[in-house]
Amino acid sequence: MKLYYSISEVAEMLGVSQSLLRYWETEFSELKPSKNARGVRMYRQEDIELLRRIHHLTKERGLTLEGTREQLRNSDDTDNLQVIDTLKELRAFLVDLKSQI
């Protein structure tokens, strides 16, 4: 596992645009990717996990940005995201398995 990921790598991981990641950076004060000498954003694993939570809350659960901020302040749903990711992988496996039958 790498220590740092570029904005393009993170955008591809999440299936969102780079501009959306930059926008979320302005909207969520806890999201602070480091920048190298050239100003290129470098995301750590913790940053990516926070972005996954933001993505889940806004895109999958349909919360507003304010609602997402509130959720992030009031709960730690990291475990829930891991369960959701596992269930998505399981679903994809089952769909693939069904198509082979």
Protein backbone atom coordinates (compact mmCIF):
# COMPACT_ATOMS: atom_id res chain seq x y z
CA MET A 1 0.00 0.00 0.00
CA LYS A 2 1.25 3.45 -0.92
CA LEU A 3 1.63 6.24 1.62
CA TYR A 4 0.34 8.98 -0.67
CA TYR A 5 -2.07 9.07 -3.60
CA SER A 6 -2.51 11.78 -6.21
CA ILE A 7 -5.82 13.53 -6.73
CA SER A 8 -6.33 11.67 -10.02
CA GLU A 9 -5.85 8.30 -8.29
CA VAL A 10 -8.30 9.21 -5.53
CA ALA A 11 -10.86 10.55 -8.00
CA GLU A 12 -10.67 7.30 -9.94
CA MET A 13 -11.01 5.22 -6.74
CA LEU A 14 -14.20 7.05 -5.78
CA GLY A 15 -15.57 7.49 -9.28
CA VAL A 16 -15.81 11.27 -8.96
CA SER A 17 -14.13 14.22 -10.65
CA GLN A 18 -11.02 15.91 -9.38
CA SER A 19 -12.91 19.19 -9.20
CA LEU A 20 -15.43 17.61 -6.81
CA LEU A 21 -12.57 16.52 -4.54
CA ARG A 22 -11.18 20.07 -4.55
CA TYR A 23 -14.67 21.41 -3.80
CA TRP A 24 -15.13 19.02 -0.88
CA GLU A 25 -11.78 20.20 0.44
CA THR A 26 -13.21 23.73 0.68
CA GLU A 27 -16.45 22.51 2.30
CA PHE A 28 -15.02 20.13 4.94
CA SER A 29 -12.36 21.69 7.16
CA GLU A 30 -11.20 18.28 8.41
CA LEU A 31 -10.11 17.36 4.88
CA LYS A 32 -6.58 18.71 4.49
CA PRO A 33 -4.46 16.76 2.00
CA SER A 34 -0.80 17.65 2.12
CA LYS A 35 0.80 19.34 -0.86
CA ASN A 36 4.26 18.78 -2.25
CA ALA A 37 6.69 21.53 -3.25
CA ARG A 38 4.86 22.01 -6.56
CA GLY A 39 1.48 22.32 -4.83
CA VAL A 40 0.23 18.90 -5.96
CA ARG A 41 -2.27 17.40 -3.50
CA MET A 42 -1.12 14.18 -1.89
CA TYR A 43 -3.82 12.16 -0.10
CA ARG A 44 -3.04 9.78 2.77
CA GLN A 45 -5.16 6.75 3.60
CA GLU A 46 -6.94 8.76 6.34
CA ASP A 47 -7.89 11.42 3.78
CA ILE A 48 -9.25 8.74 1.45
CA GLU A 49 -11.33 7.19 4.24
CA LEU A 50 -12.82 10.60 5.04
CA LEU A 51 -13.58 11.14 1.35
CA ARG A 52 -15.26 7.73 1.21
CA ARG A 53 -17.46 8.74 4.14
CA ILE A 54 -18.31 12.06 2.48
CA HIS A 55 -19.04 10.29 -0.81
CA HIS A 56 -21.26 7.72 0.90
CA LEU A 57 -23.22 10.33 2.83
CA THR A 58 -23.73 12.74 -0.08
CA LYS A 59 -23.99 10.47 -3.10
CA GLU A 60 -25.41 7.23 -1.71
CA ARG A 61 -27.51 8.44 1.22
CA GLY A 62 -28.42 11.72 -0.45
CA LEU A 63 -27.55 14.04 2.43
CA THR A 64 -26.88 17.70 1.85
CA LEU A 65 -23.44 19.08 2.61
CA GLU A 66 -24.75 20.45 5.91
CA GLY A 67 -26.31 17.09 6.74
CA THR A 68 -23.04 15.37 5.90
CA ARG A 69 -21.11 17.77 8.14
CA GLU A 70 -23.53 17.01 10.97
CA GLN A 71 -23.17 13.25 10.47
CA LEU A 72 -19.38 13.53 10.47
CA ARG A 73 -19.46 15.54 13.71
CA ASN A 74 -21.90 13.27 15.53
CA SER A 75 -20.92 9.76 14.55
CA ASP A 76 -18.11 7.54 13.50
CA ASP A 77 -19.54 5.38 10.74
CA THR A 78 -16.20 3.97 9.56
CA ASP A 79 -17.28 0.46 10.53
CA ASN A 80 -20.54 0.92 8.62
CA LEU A 81 -18.61 1.93 5.50
CA GLN A 82 -16.48 -1.19 5.73
CA VAL A 83 -19.62 -3.32 5.99
CA ILE A 84 -21.17 -1.50 3.03
CA ASP A 85 -18.00 -2.00 0.94
CA THR A 86 -17.98 -5.70 1.82
CA LEU A 87 -21.64 -6.05 0.92
CA LYS A 88 -21.07 -4.29 -2.41
CA GLU A 89 -18.20 -6.67 -3.20
CA LEU A 90 -20.35 -9.64 -2.23
CA ARG A 91 -23.22 -8.40 -4.39
CA ALA A 92 -20.91 -7.96 -7.39
CA PHE A 93 -19.57 -11.48 -6.85
CA LEU A 94 -23.08 -12.93 -6.67
CA VAL A 95 -24.24 -11.06 -9.78
CA ASP A 96 -21.18 -12.34 -11.62
CA LEU A 97 -21.80 -15.86 -10.37
CA LYS A 98 -25.45 -15.70 -11.45
CA SER A 99 -24.49 -14.56 -14.94
CA GLN A 100 -22.24 -17.62 -15.31
CA ILE A 101 -25.10 -20.03 -14.59
